[in-house]
Amino acid sequence: MKKLFYILPMVAALLCGCKVDKWMDWKMQNEMWMAANAKNEGVQTTASGLQYRILYAGNTTDAKPDNASVVIVTYTAKLINGYQVDSGVGASIGMSGVVDGFAEGLKKIHAHGDIELFVPWNLAYKEEGSGTEGSLSGTFIPPYSTIIFKVHLNAVTK
């Protein structure tokens, strides 16, 4: 009995010191969604894990963006549950200021092209997410979120 008296506080201390990430279920849902999506017709997967489907590659005589480009895009961004987290019409964006998967995907098409990007959490907002949960002042993107972009690349400037 005396040993149990010493062991119980140690077990309780260990359990209290463990950080349980409340987003692990969401992470698993996103990873399962990406695995299933990879099997869909026309979806290609890069070495980094980005998935994409080119809807229209654009004219090969038009510019393709690179890391130094500024792009003008019309886009929507959604989570796997269909919740729209962002959109823009004629948005001017520097390629160096976007999530890694968005930049990688846009380099696959020319100006006037259309693409769907399925950006896994590690190429998007990572384990931190974006925004503040419950905030009324902005959009919250949970940690480990896959972001689904539909993008029309209006123009590429250098």
C-alpha atoms as a PDB file:
ATOM      1  CA  MET A   1       0.000   0.000   0.000  1.00  0.00           C
ATOM      2  CA  LYS A   2       2.878   2.309   0.823  1.00  0.00           C
ATOM      3  CA  LYS A   3       4.335   1.845  -2.703  1.00  0.00           C
ATOM      4  CA  LEU A   4       0.986   2.693  -4.271  1.00  0.00           C
ATOM      5  CA  PHE A   5       0.917   5.895  -2.230  1.00  0.00           C
ATOM      6  CA  TYR A   6       4.196   6.973  -3.898  1.00  0.00           C
ATOM      7  CA  ILE A   7       3.360   5.733  -7.403  1.00  0.00           C
ATOM      8  CA  LEU A   8      -0.039   7.439  -7.795  1.00  0.00           C
ATOM      9  CA  PRO A   9       1.288  11.008  -7.471  1.00  0.00           C
ATOM     10  CA  MET A  10       4.071  10.208  -9.956  1.00  0.00           C
ATOM     11  CA  VAL A  11       1.579   8.829 -12.497  1.00  0.00           C
ATOM     12  CA  ALA A  12      -0.675  11.862 -11.999  1.00  0.00           C
ATOM     13  CA  ALA A  13       2.287  14.207 -12.511  1.00  0.00           C
ATOM     14  CA  LEU A  14       3.249  12.411 -15.726  1.00  0.00           C
ATOM     15  CA  LEU A  15      -0.290  12.566 -17.066  1.00  0.00           C
ATOM     16  CA  CYS A  16      -0.645  16.255 -16.273  1.00  0.00           C
ATOM     17  CA  GLY A  17       2.651  16.993 -18.009  1.00  0.00           C
ATOM     18  CA  CYS A  18       1.507  15.400 -21.273  1.00  0.00           C
ATOM     19  CA  LYS A  19       0.244  17.831 -23.851  1.00  0.00           C
ATOM     20  CA  VAL A  20      -2.672  16.402 -25.782  1.00  0.00           C
ATOM     21  CA  ASP A  21      -3.186  18.120 -29.109  1.00  0.00           C
ATOM     22  CA  LYS A  22      -6.923  18.617 -29.539  1.00  0.00           C
ATOM     23  CA  TRP A  23      -6.443  18.803 -33.301  1.00  0.00           C
ATOM     24  CA  MET A  24      -5.162  15.231 -33.795  1.00  0.00           C
ATOM     25  CA  ASP A  25      -8.565  13.982 -35.046  1.00  0.00           C
ATOM     26  CA  TRP A  26      -8.712  16.870 -37.544  1.00  0.00           C
ATOM     27  CA  LYS A  27      -5.168  16.090 -38.679  1.00  0.00           C
ATOM     28  CA  MET A  28      -6.099  12.449 -39.273  1.00  0.00           C
ATOM     29  CA  GLN A  29      -9.264  13.452 -41.176  1.00  0.00           C
ATOM     30  CA  ASN A  30      -7.196  15.735 -43.417  1.00  0.00           C
ATOM     31  CA  GLU A  31      -4.559  13.092 -44.073  1.00  0.00           C
ATOM     32  CA  MET A  32      -7.233  10.488 -44.885  1.00  0.00           C
ATOM     33  CA  TRP A  33      -8.946  12.991 -47.192  1.00  0.00           C
ATOM     34  CA  MET A  34      -5.664  13.619 -49.033  1.00  0.00           C
ATOM     35  CA  ALA A  35      -5.030   9.870 -49.416  1.00  0.00           C
ATOM     36  CA  ALA A  36      -8.495   9.383 -50.942  1.00  0.00           C
ATOM     37  CA  ASN A  37      -8.194  12.489 -53.132  1.00  0.00           C
ATOM     38  CA  ALA A  38      -4.925  11.244 -54.630  1.00  0.00           C
ATOM     39  CA  LYS A  39      -6.935   8.455 -56.313  1.00  0.00           C
ATOM     40  CA  ASN A  40      -9.322  10.859 -58.069  1.00  0.00           C
ATOM     41  CA  GLU A  41      -9.126  11.215 -61.826  1.00  0.00           C
ATOM     42  CA  GLY A  42      -6.652  13.826 -63.016  1.00  0.00           C
ATOM     43  CA  VAL A  43      -5.113  14.467 -59.592  1.00  0.00           C
ATOM     44  CA  GLN A  44      -1.322  14.498 -59.625  1.00  0.00           C
ATOM     45  CA  THR A  45       0.931  14.443 -56.565  1.00  0.00           C
ATOM     46  CA  THR A  46       4.346  16.114 -56.329  1.00  0.00           C
ATOM     47  CA  ALA A  47       7.311  14.914 -54.275  1.00  0.00           C
ATOM     48  CA  SER A  48       6.417  17.491 -51.598  1.00  0.00           C
ATOM     49  CA  GLY A  49       2.914  16.036 -51.214  1.00  0.00           C
ATOM     50  CA  LEU A  50       1.044  18.797 -53.053  1.00  0.00           C
ATOM     51  CA  GLN A  51      -1.864  17.458 -55.069  1.00  0.00           C
ATOM     52  CA  TYR A  52      -3.199  19.338 -58.069  1.00  0.00           C
ATOM     53  CA  ARG A  53      -5.443  19.036 -61.075  1.00  0.00           C
ATOM     54  CA  ILE A  54      -4.796  21.259 -64.069  1.00  0.00           C
ATOM     55  CA  LEU A  55      -8.114  22.378 -65.527  1.00  0.00           C
ATOM     56  CA  TYR A  56      -6.531  24.533 -68.247  1.00  0.00           C
ATOM     57  CA  ALA A  57      -2.766  24.984 -68.498  1.00  0.00           C
ATOM     58  CA  GLY A  58      -3.022  28.353 -70.251  1.00  0.00           C
ATOM     59  CA  ASN A  59      -1.303  29.293 -73.486  1.00  0.00           C
ATOM     60  CA  THR A  60       2.321  28.159 -73.567  1.00  0.00           C
ATOM     61  CA  THR A  61       3.325  31.546 -75.010  1.00  0.00           C
ATOM     62  CA  ASP A  62       2.072  33.259 -71.822  1.00  0.00           C
ATOM     63  CA  ALA A  63       4.245  33.656 -68.738  1.00  0.00           C
ATOM     64  CA  LYS A  64       4.558  31.128 -65.923  1.00  0.00           C
ATOM     65  CA  PRO A  65       5.153  32.481 -62.422  1.00  0.00           C
ATOM     66  CA  ASP A  66       8.379  31.983 -60.502  1.00  0.00           C
ATOM     67  CA  ASN A  67       9.378  32.848 -56.931  1.00  0.00           C
ATOM     68  CA  ALA A  68       9.972  36.510 -57.811  1.00  0.00           C
ATOM     69  CA  SER A  69       6.659  36.984 -59.644  1.00  0.00           C
ATOM     70  CA  VAL A  70       3.611  38.913 -58.621  1.00  0.00           C
ATOM     71  CA  VAL A  71       0.463  37.160 -59.784  1.00  0.00           C
ATOM     72  CA  ILE A  72      -3.056  38.417 -60.267  1.00  0.00           C
ATOM     73  CA  VAL A  73      -5.496  35.663 -59.396  1.00  0.00           C
ATOM     74  CA  THR A  74      -9.143  34.927 -58.844  1.00  0.00           C
ATOM     75  CA  TYR A  75      -9.478  32.171 -56.264  1.00  0.00           C
ATOM     76  CA  THR A  76     -11.436  30.451 -53.551  1.00  0.00           C
ATOM     77  CA  ALA A  77      -9.938  28.585 -50.613  1.00  0.00           C
ATOM     78  CA  LYS A  78     -11.863  25.966 -48.660  1.00  0.00           C
ATOM     79  CA  LEU A  79     -11.276  23.382 -45.971  1.00  0.00           C
ATOM     80  CA  ILE A  80     -12.072  19.707 -46.566  1.00  0.00           C
ATOM     81  CA  ASN A  81     -15.448  20.196 -44.841  1.00  0.00           C
ATOM     82  CA  GLY A  82     -16.411  22.759 -47.504  1.00  0.00           C
ATOM     83  CA  TYR A  83     -16.001  25.815 -45.250  1.00  0.00           C
ATOM     84  CA  GLN A  84     -14.703  28.713 -47.365  1.00  0.00           C
ATOM     85  CA  VAL A  85     -11.814  30.429 -45.608  1.00  0.00           C
ATOM     86  CA  ASP A  86     -10.800  32.948 -48.266  1.00  0.00           C
ATOM     87  CA  SER A  87     -11.464  34.239 -51.766  1.00  0.00           C
ATOM     88  CA  GLY A  88     -10.273  36.966 -54.046  1.00  0.00           C
ATOM     89  CA  VAL A  89     -11.124  38.470 -57.413  1.00  0.00           C
ATOM     90  CA  GLY A  90      -8.230  40.074 -59.250  1.00  0.00           C
ATOM     91  CA  ALA A  91      -6.035  39.780 -56.158  1.00  0.00           C
ATOM     92  CA  SER A  92      -2.438  40.854 -56.668  1.00  0.00           C
ATOM     93  CA  ILE A  93      -0.180  38.549 -54.666  1.00  0.00           C
ATOM     94  CA  GLY A  94       3.583  38.182 -54.421  1.00  0.00           C
ATOM     95  CA  MET A  95       4.633  34.569 -54.858  1.00  0.00           C
ATOM     96  CA  SER A  96       7.042  34.929 -51.959  1.00  0.00           C
ATOM     97  CA  GLY A  97       4.149  35.803 -49.632  1.00  0.00           C
ATOM     98  CA  VAL A  98       1.902  32.772 -50.141  1.00  0.00           C
ATOM     99  CA  VAL A  99       1.861  29.337 -48.539  1.00  0.00           C
ATOM    100  CA  ASP A 100       4.374  26.927 -50.059  1.00  0.00           C
ATOM    101  CA  GLY A 101       1.802  24.694 -51.752  1.00  0.00           C
ATOM    102  CA  PHE A 102       0.058  27.619 -53.452  1.00  0.00           C
ATOM    103  CA  ALA A 103       3.360  28.866 -54.917  1.00  0.00           C
ATOM    104  CA  GLU A 104       4.410  25.377 -56.005  1.00  0.00           C
ATOM    105  CA  GLY A 105       1.072  24.757 -57.702  1.00  0.00           C
ATOM    106  CA  LEU A 106       0.844  28.045 -59.575  1.00  0.00           C
ATOM    107  CA  LYS A 107       4.193  27.314 -61.213  1.00  0.00           C
ATOM    108  CA  LYS A 108       2.470  24.435 -63.026  1.00  0.00           C
ATOM    109  CA  ILE A 109       0.340  26.709 -65.247  1.00  0.00           C
ATOM    110  CA  HIS A 110       0.693  29.723 -67.529  1.00  0.00           C
ATOM    111  CA  ALA A 111      -1.215  33.004 -67.323  1.00  0.00           C
ATOM    112  CA  HIS A 112      -4.936  32.539 -68.050  1.00  0.00           C
ATOM    113  CA  GLY A 113      -4.748  28.961 -66.755  1.00  0.00           C
ATOM    114  CA  ASP A 114      -6.979  27.278 -64.176  1.00  0.00           C
ATOM    115  CA  ILE A 115      -5.903  24.830 -61.502  1.00  0.00           C
ATOM    116  CA  GLU A 116      -7.198  23.087 -58.404  1.00  0.00           C
ATOM    117  CA  LEU A 117      -4.674  22.815 -55.598  1.00  0.00           C
ATOM    118  CA  PHE A 118      -5.021  20.410 -52.708  1.00  0.00           C
ATOM    119  CA  VAL A 119      -2.464  21.763 -50.263  1.00  0.00           C
ATOM    120  CA  PRO A 120      -1.635  19.504 -47.308  1.00  0.00           C
ATOM    121  CA  TRP A 121      -1.212  21.073 -43.899  1.00  0.00           C
ATOM    122  CA  ASN A 122       2.603  20.881 -43.999  1.00  0.00           C
ATOM    123  CA  LEU A 123       2.620  23.079 -47.148  1.00  0.00           C
ATOM    124  CA  ALA A 124      -0.069  25.453 -45.843  1.00  0.00           C
ATOM    125  CA  TYR A 125      -0.517  26.746 -42.290  1.00  0.00           C
ATOM    126  CA  LYS A 126       1.241  23.798 -40.657  1.00  0.00           C
ATOM    127  CA  GLU A 127       0.522  22.802 -37.058  1.00  0.00           C
ATOM    128  CA  GLU A 128      -0.125  26.418 -36.029  1.00  0.00           C
ATOM    129  CA  GLY A 129      -3.092  27.136 -38.305  1.00  0.00           C
ATOM    130  CA  SER A 130      -4.041  30.754 -38.957  1.00  0.00           C
ATOM    131  CA  GLY A 131      -6.140  33.232 -37.049  1.00  0.00           C
ATOM    132  CA  THR A 132      -7.654  32.861 -33.613  1.00  0.00           C
ATOM    133  CA  GLU A 133     -10.249  30.233 -32.819  1.00  0.00           C
ATOM    134  CA  GLY A 134     -13.563  31.849 -31.929  1.00  0.00           C
ATOM    135  CA  SER A 135     -12.464  35.289 -33.111  1.00  0.00           C
ATOM    136  CA  LEU A 136     -15.081  37.426 -34.802  1.00  0.00           C
ATOM    137  CA  SER A 137     -12.455  39.600 -36.467  1.00  0.00           C
ATOM    138  CA  GLY A 138     -11.137  37.114 -38.996  1.00  0.00           C
ATOM    139  CA  THR A 139     -11.126  33.645 -40.434  1.00  0.00           C
ATOM    140  CA  PHE A 140      -9.750  30.804 -38.368  1.00  0.00           C
ATOM    141  CA  ILE A 141      -7.936  28.016 -40.175  1.00  0.00           C
ATOM    142  CA  PRO A 142      -7.395  25.131 -37.758  1.00  0.00           C
ATOM    143  CA  PRO A 143      -3.987  23.528 -37.349  1.00  0.00           C
ATOM    144  CA  TYR A 144      -3.278  20.628 -39.730  1.00  0.00           C
ATOM    145  CA  SER A 145      -5.763  21.899 -42.322  1.00  0.00           C
ATOM    146  CA  THR A 146      -5.667  20.902 -45.957  1.00  0.00           C
ATOM    147  CA  ILE A 147      -6.547  23.925 -48.093  1.00  0.00           C
ATOM    148  CA  ILE A 148      -8.386  23.389 -51.372  1.00  0.00           C
ATOM    149  CA  PHE A 149      -7.787  26.240 -53.800  1.00  0.00           C
ATOM    150  CA  LYS A 150      -9.506  26.820 -57.126  1.00  0.00           C
ATOM    151  CA  VAL A 151      -7.404  29.372 -58.956  1.00  0.00           C
ATOM    152  CA  HIS A 152      -7.582  31.266 -62.221  1.00  0.00           C
ATOM    153  CA  LEU A 153      -4.211  32.859 -62.984  1.00  0.00           C
ATOM    154  CA  ASN A 154      -5.189  36.161 -64.592  1.00  0.00           C
ATOM    155  CA  ALA A 155      -1.695  37.549 -65.136  1.00  0.00           C
ATOM    156  CA  VAL A 156       1.958  37.193 -64.162  1.00  0.00           C
ATOM    157  CA  THR A 157       4.249  40.182 -63.638  1.00  0.00           C
ATOM    158  CA  LYS A 158       7.890  40.300 -62.653  1.00  0.00           C
END
